C-alpha atoms as a PDB file:
ATOM      1  CA  UNK A   1       0.000   0.000   0.000  1.00  0.00           C
ATOM      2  CA  UNK A   2       1.512   3.349  -0.915  1.00  0.00           C
ATOM      3  CA  UNK A   3       2.351   5.986   1.624  1.00  0.00           C
ATOM      4  CA  UNK A   4      -0.304   8.316   0.258  1.00  0.00           C
ATOM      5  CA  UNK A   5      -3.073   5.695   0.539  1.00  0.00           C
ATOM      6  CA  UNK A   6      -2.145   4.703   4.069  1.00  0.00           C
ATOM      7  CA  UNK A   7      -1.848   8.300   5.175  1.00  0.00           C
ATOM      8  CA  UNK A   8      -5.210   8.962   3.551  1.00  0.00           C
ATOM      9  CA  UNK A   9      -6.829   6.591   6.034  1.00  0.00           C
ATOM     10  CA  UNK A  10      -5.195   8.393   8.944  1.00  0.00           C
ATOM     11  CA  UNK A  11      -6.013  11.812   7.589  1.00  0.00           C
ATOM     12  CA  UNK A  12      -9.667  10.922   7.067  1.00  0.00           C
ATOM     13  CA  UNK A  13     -10.182  11.861  10.692  1.00  0.00           C
ATOM     14  CA  UNK A  14      -8.739  15.266  10.028  1.00  0.00           C
ATOM     15  CA  UNK A  15     -10.781  15.680   6.901  1.00  0.00           C
ATOM     16  CA  UNK A  16     -13.911  15.100   8.965  1.00  0.00           C
ATOM     17  CA  UNK A  17     -13.053  18.116  11.042  1.00  0.00           C
ATOM     18  CA  UNK A  18     -11.711  19.974   8.097  1.00  0.00           C
ATOM     19  CA  UNK A  19     -11.889  23.513   9.354  1.00  0.00           C
ATOM     20  CA  UNK A  20     -11.503  23.673  13.089  1.00  0.00           C
ATOM     21  CA  UNK A  21      -8.167  24.826  14.374  1.00  0.00           C
ATOM     22  CA  UNK A  22      -6.126  25.770  17.327  1.00  0.00           C
ATOM     23  CA  UNK A  23      -6.626  29.219  18.723  1.00  0.00           C
ATOM     24  CA  UNK A  24      -5.054  31.737  16.438  1.00  0.00           C
ATOM     25  CA  UNK A  25      -3.687  35.227  16.625  1.00  0.00           C
ATOM     26  CA  UNK A  26      -6.979  37.103  16.228  1.00  0.00           C
ATOM     27  CA  UNK A  27      -6.647  37.808  12.520  1.00  0.00           C
ATOM     28  CA  UNK A  28      -9.114  36.705   9.852  1.00  0.00           C
ATOM     29  CA  UNK A  29     -11.600  34.970  12.086  1.00  0.00           C
ATOM     30  CA  UNK A  30      -9.390  33.474  14.732  1.00  0.00           C
ATOM     31  CA  UNK A  31      -9.478  34.593  18.310  1.00  0.00           C
ATOM     32  CA  UNK A  32     -11.983  34.912  21.118  1.00  0.00           C
ATOM     33  CA  UNK A  33     -14.303  37.354  19.332  1.00  0.00           C
ATOM     34  CA  UNK A  34     -15.850  34.492  17.328  1.00  0.00           C
ATOM     35  CA  UNK A  35     -15.428  31.548  19.709  1.00  0.00           C
ATOM     36  CA  UNK A  36     -19.148  31.453  20.546  1.00  0.00           C
ATOM     37  CA  UNK A  37     -20.281  32.019  16.964  1.00  0.00           C
ATOM     38  CA  UNK A  38     -21.943  29.159  15.099  1.00  0.00           C
ATOM     39  CA  UNK A  39     -19.913  27.849  12.177  1.00  0.00           C
ATOM     40  CA  UNK A  40     -22.834  28.295   9.788  1.00  0.00           C
ATOM     41  CA  UNK A  41     -22.934  32.003  10.665  1.00  0.00           C
ATOM     42  CA  UNK A  42     -19.257  32.714   9.913  1.00  0.00           C
ATOM     43  CA  UNK A  43     -18.421  35.187   7.213  1.00  0.00           C
ATOM     44  CA  UNK A  44     -16.183  33.982   4.405  1.00  0.00           C
ATOM     45  CA  UNK A  45     -13.285  35.894   5.955  1.00  0.00           C
ATOM     46  CA  UNK A  46     -13.866  34.343   9.383  1.00  0.00           C
ATOM     47  CA  UNK A  47     -14.129  30.838   7.890  1.00  0.00           C
ATOM     48  CA  UNK A  48     -10.920  31.383   5.914  1.00  0.00           C
ATOM     49  CA  UNK A  49      -9.175  32.520   9.101  1.00  0.00           C
ATOM     50  CA  UNK A  50     -10.387  29.439  10.908  1.00  0.00           C
ATOM     51  CA  UNK A  51      -9.142  27.233   8.067  1.00  0.00           C
ATOM     52  CA  UNK A  52      -5.769  28.974   8.205  1.00  0.00           C
ATOM     53  CA  UNK A  53      -5.655  28.222  11.938  1.00  0.00           C
ATOM     54  CA  UNK A  54      -6.221  24.558  11.187  1.00  0.00           C
ATOM     55  CA  UNK A  55      -3.474  24.471   8.602  1.00  0.00           C
ATOM     56  CA  UNK A  56      -1.187  25.947  11.236  1.00  0.00           C
ATOM     57  CA  UNK A  57      -2.223  23.327  13.773  1.00  0.00           C
ATOM     58  CA  UNK A  58      -1.608  20.443  11.391  1.00  0.00           C
ATOM     59  CA  UNK A  59       1.902  21.805  10.983  1.00  0.00           C
ATOM     60  CA  UNK A  60       2.453  20.898  14.657  1.00  0.00           C
ATOM     61  CA  UNK A  61       2.243  17.229  13.678  1.00  0.00           C
ATOM     62  CA  UNK A  62       5.824  16.203  13.003  1.00  0.00           C
ATOM     63  CA  UNK A  63       6.826  13.979  10.110  1.00  0.00           C
ATOM     64  CA  UNK A  64       7.700  11.318  12.686  1.00  0.00           C
ATOM     65  CA  UNK A  65       4.191  11.555  14.208  1.00  0.00           C
ATOM     66  CA  UNK A  66       2.658  11.369  10.760  1.00  0.00           C
ATOM     67  CA  UNK A  67       4.824   8.394   9.784  1.00  0.00           C
ATOM     68  CA  UNK A  68       4.089   6.585  13.025  1.00  0.00           C
ATOM     69  CA  UNK A  69       0.363   7.003  12.360  1.00  0.00           C
ATOM     70  CA  UNK A  70       0.921   5.691   8.845  1.00  0.00           C
ATOM     71  CA  UNK A  71       2.721   2.672  10.289  1.00  0.00           C
ATOM     72  CA  UNK A  72      -0.148   1.957  12.687  1.00  0.00           C
ATOM     73  CA  UNK A  73      -2.682   2.067   9.858  1.00  0.00           C
ATOM     74  CA  UNK A  74      -0.416  -0.121   7.723  1.00  0.00           C
ATOM     75  CA  UNK A  75      -0.207  -2.668  10.528  1.00  0.00           C
ATOM     76  CA  UNK A  76      -3.976  -3.067  10.303  1.00  0.00           C
ATOM     77  CA  UNK A  77      -3.358  -4.424   6.801  1.00  0.00           C
ATOM     78  CA  UNK A  78      -0.544  -6.758   7.872  1.00  0.00           C
ATOM     79  CA  UNK A  79       2.310  -4.373   7.088  1.00  0.00           C
ATOM     80  CA  UNK A  80       4.967  -4.113   9.822  1.00  0.00           C
ATOM     81  CA  UNK A  81       4.535  -0.745  11.581  1.00  0.00           C
ATOM     82  CA  UNK A  82       8.170   0.090  12.302  1.00  0.00           C
ATOM     83  CA  UNK A  83       9.212  -0.705   8.715  1.00  0.00           C
ATOM     84  CA  UNK A  84       6.438   1.482   7.299  1.00  0.00           C
ATOM     85  CA  UNK A  85       7.349   4.275   9.712  1.00  0.00           C
ATOM     86  CA  UNK A  86      11.038   4.214   8.744  1.00  0.00           C
ATOM     87  CA  UNK A  87      10.251   4.110   5.001  1.00  0.00           C
ATOM     88  CA  UNK A  88       7.941   7.066   5.472  1.00  0.00           C
ATOM     89  CA  UNK A  89      10.541   9.051   7.404  1.00  0.00           C
ATOM     90  CA  UNK A  90      13.131   8.312   4.707  1.00  0.00           C
ATOM     91  CA  UNK A  91      10.810   9.370   1.872  1.00  0.00           C
ATOM     92  CA  UNK A  92      11.161  12.835   0.415  1.00  0.00           C
ATOM     93  CA  UNK A  93       7.389  13.287   0.079  1.00  0.00           C
ATOM     94  CA  UNK A  94       5.854  16.327   1.723  1.00  0.00           C
ATOM     95  CA  UNK A  95       3.158  16.119   4.363  1.00  0.00           C
ATOM     96  CA  UNK A  96      -0.282  15.122   3.164  1.00  0.00           C
ATOM     97  CA  UNK A  97      -2.016  17.015   5.970  1.00  0.00           C
ATOM     98  CA  UNK A  98      -2.126  20.445   4.390  1.00  0.00           C
ATOM     99  CA  UNK A  99      -3.357  19.002   1.090  1.00  0.00           C
ATOM    100  CA  UNK A 100      -6.343  17.514   2.922  1.00  0.00           C
ATOM    101  CA  UNK A 101      -7.315  21.045   3.957  1.00  0.00           C
ATOM    102  CA  UNK A 102      -7.015  22.823   0.617  1.00  0.00           C
ATOM    103  CA  UNK A 103     -10.788  22.840   0.129  1.00  0.00           C
ATOM    104  CA  UNK A 104     -11.535  24.243   3.581  1.00  0.00           C
ATOM    105  CA  UNK A 105     -13.899  27.210   3.431  1.00  0.00           C
ATOM    106  CA  UNK A 106     -17.227  28.751   4.439  1.00  0.00           C
ATOM    107  CA  UNK A 107     -19.267  26.447   2.179  1.00  0.00           C
ATOM    108  CA  UNK A 108     -18.358  23.478   4.399  1.00  0.00           C
ATOM    109  CA  UNK A 109     -20.077  25.126   7.371  1.00  0.00           C
ATOM    110  CA  UNK A 110     -23.514  25.606   5.808  1.00  0.00           C
ATOM    111  CA  UNK A 111     -26.198  24.610   8.316  1.00  0.00           C
ATOM    112  CA  UNK A 112     -23.671  23.784  11.022  1.00  0.00           C
ATOM    113  CA  UNK A 113     -24.733  24.959  14.492  1.00  0.00           C
ATOM    114  CA  UNK A 114     -21.573  23.962  16.373  1.00  0.00           C
ATOM    115  CA  UNK A 115     -19.579  26.880  17.675  1.00  0.00           C
ATOM    116  CA  UNK A 116     -16.062  27.782  16.672  1.00  0.00           C
ATOM    117  CA  UNK A 117     -14.925  26.800  20.187  1.00  0.00           C
ATOM    118  CA  UNK A 118     -16.546  23.351  19.892  1.00  0.00           C
ATOM    119  CA  UNK A 119     -14.869  22.680  16.570  1.00  0.00           C
ATOM    120  CA  UNK A 120     -11.518  23.975  17.832  1.00  0.00           C
ATOM    121  CA  UNK A 121     -11.746  21.599  20.814  1.00  0.00           C
ATOM    122  CA  UNK A 122     -12.499  18.708  18.459  1.00  0.00           C
ATOM    123  CA  UNK A 123      -9.605  19.554  16.177  1.00  0.00           C
ATOM    124  CA  UNK A 124      -7.198  19.837  19.086  1.00  0.00           C
ATOM    125  CA  UNK A 125      -8.295  16.366  20.234  1.00  0.00           C
ATOM    126  CA  UNK A 126      -7.898  14.848  16.749  1.00  0.00           C
ATOM    127  CA  UNK A 127      -4.394  16.281  16.353  1.00  0.00           C
ATOM    128  CA  UNK A 128      -3.543  15.034  19.859  1.00  0.00           C
ATOM    129  CA  UNK A 129      -4.765  11.567  18.930  1.00  0.00           C
ATOM    130  CA  UNK A 130      -2.525  11.471  15.862  1.00  0.00           C
ATOM    131  CA  UNK A 131       0.464  12.675  17.883  1.00  0.00           C
ATOM    132  CA  UNK A 132      -0.159  10.006  20.538  1.00  0.00           C
ATOM    133  CA  UNK A 133      -0.136   7.041  18.134  1.00  0.00           C
ATOM    134  CA  UNK A 134       2.797   4.648  18.377  1.00  0.00           C
ATOM    135  CA  UNK A 135       3.570   1.307  16.766  1.00  0.00           C
ATOM    136  CA  UNK A 136       2.040  -0.238  19.900  1.00  0.00           C
ATOM    137  CA  UNK A 137      -1.306   1.473  19.169  1.00  0.00           C
ATOM    138  CA  UNK A 138      -4.281  -0.676  18.256  1.00  0.00           C
ATOM    139  CA  UNK A 139      -7.290  -0.372  15.989  1.00  0.00           C
ATOM    140  CA  UNK A 140      -9.259   0.791  19.023  1.00  0.00           C
ATOM    141  CA  UNK A 141      -6.789   3.667  19.490  1.00  0.00           C
ATOM    142  CA  UNK A 142      -7.403   4.797  15.915  1.00  0.00           C
ATOM    143  CA  UNK A 143     -11.150   4.163  15.825  1.00  0.00           C
ATOM    144  CA  UNK A 144     -11.951   5.888  19.121  1.00  0.00           C
ATOM    145  CA  UNK A 145     -13.509   9.278  18.412  1.00  0.00           C
ATOM    146  CA  UNK A 146     -12.257  11.965  20.754  1.00  0.00           C
ATOM    147  CA  UNK A 147     -14.951  12.881  23.290  1.00  0.00           C
ATOM    148  CA  UNK A 148     -14.287  16.529  22.466  1.00  0.00           C
ATOM    149  CA  UNK A 149     -15.830  15.944  19.025  1.00  0.00           C
ATOM    150  CA  UNK A 150     -19.250  14.768  20.271  1.00  0.00           C
ATOM    151  CA  UNK A 151     -20.895  18.219  20.440  1.00  0.00           C
ATOM    152  CA  UNK A 152     -19.605  19.362  17.053  1.00  0.00           C
ATOM    153  CA  UNK A 153     -20.539  16.083  15.390  1.00  0.00           C
ATOM    154  CA  UNK A 154     -24.057  16.186  16.831  1.00  0.00           C
ATOM    155  CA  UNK A 155     -24.597  19.758  15.644  1.00  0.00           C
ATOM    156  CA  UNK A 156     -23.010  19.258  12.216  1.00  0.00           C
ATOM    157  CA  UNK A 157     -23.778  15.666  11.132  1.00  0.00           C
ATOM    158  CA  UNK A 158     -23.378  16.347   7.402  1.00  0.00           C
ATOM    159  CA  UNK A 159     -20.037  18.050   8.030  1.00  0.00           C
ATOM    160  CA  UNK A 160     -18.818  14.915   9.813  1.00  0.00           C
ATOM    161  CA  UNK A 161     -20.118  12.565   7.132  1.00  0.00           C
ATOM    162  CA  UNK A 162     -23.134  11.389   9.124  1.00  0.00           C
ATOM    163  CA  UNK A 163     -25.869  12.830   6.911  1.00  0.00           C
ATOM    164  CA  UNK A 164     -26.508   9.476   5.221  1.00  0.00           C
ATOM    165  CA  UNK A 165     -26.916   7.744   8.586  1.00  0.00           C
ATOM    166  CA  UNK A 166     -29.463  10.335   9.712  1.00  0.00           C
ATOM    167  CA  UNK A 167     -31.334  10.149   6.413  1.00  0.00           C
ATOM    168  CA  UNK A 168     -31.529   6.341   6.739  1.00  0.00           C
ATOM    169  CA  UNK A 169     -32.772   6.468  10.341  1.00  0.00           C
ATOM    170  CA  UNK A 170     -35.421   9.063   9.409  1.00  0.00           C
ATOM    171  CA  UNK A 171     -36.572   6.879   6.506  1.00  0.00           C
ATOM    172  CA  UNK A 172     -36.910   3.860   8.810  1.00  0.00           C
ATOM    173  CA  UNK A 173     -39.078   5.804  11.224  1.00  0.00           C
ATOM    174  CA  UNK A 174     -39.530   5.249  14.958  1.00  0.00           C
END
């Protein structure tokens, strides 16, 4: 399995929280003045600022952290984690994280009632989860959703890829 495919699995979690970030410097939508604002109510400039914050936060994930996560995912497919990690570290490829966020923008927040603070907390937890992975990590470590994401996911199901599940449960009825 290629590095890009394996990393794609790991980065799917980040893609689900595509535009939440760490607290920023107050420019372009980051900072405490919008923390309580619903994502669906952000201006384009505020959403872009929030997306920029996220790109900055993903830059805190080192290549070693990224490669270790890749190794853990590879081990789920029978590929030895440490070998995958070392091959990844040796590769000249750039990080895939920023590329996952290229499409981040206000249109992704349509109808989302989670606040900026709730999404920031979720993103911080997701990045922390990736940083905490080691070759001793298990499928449960990868599959476990951070508790900090529960509020944002509930308020923005389509944003988190749950729209189909809700549509199916509504169609089934009570």
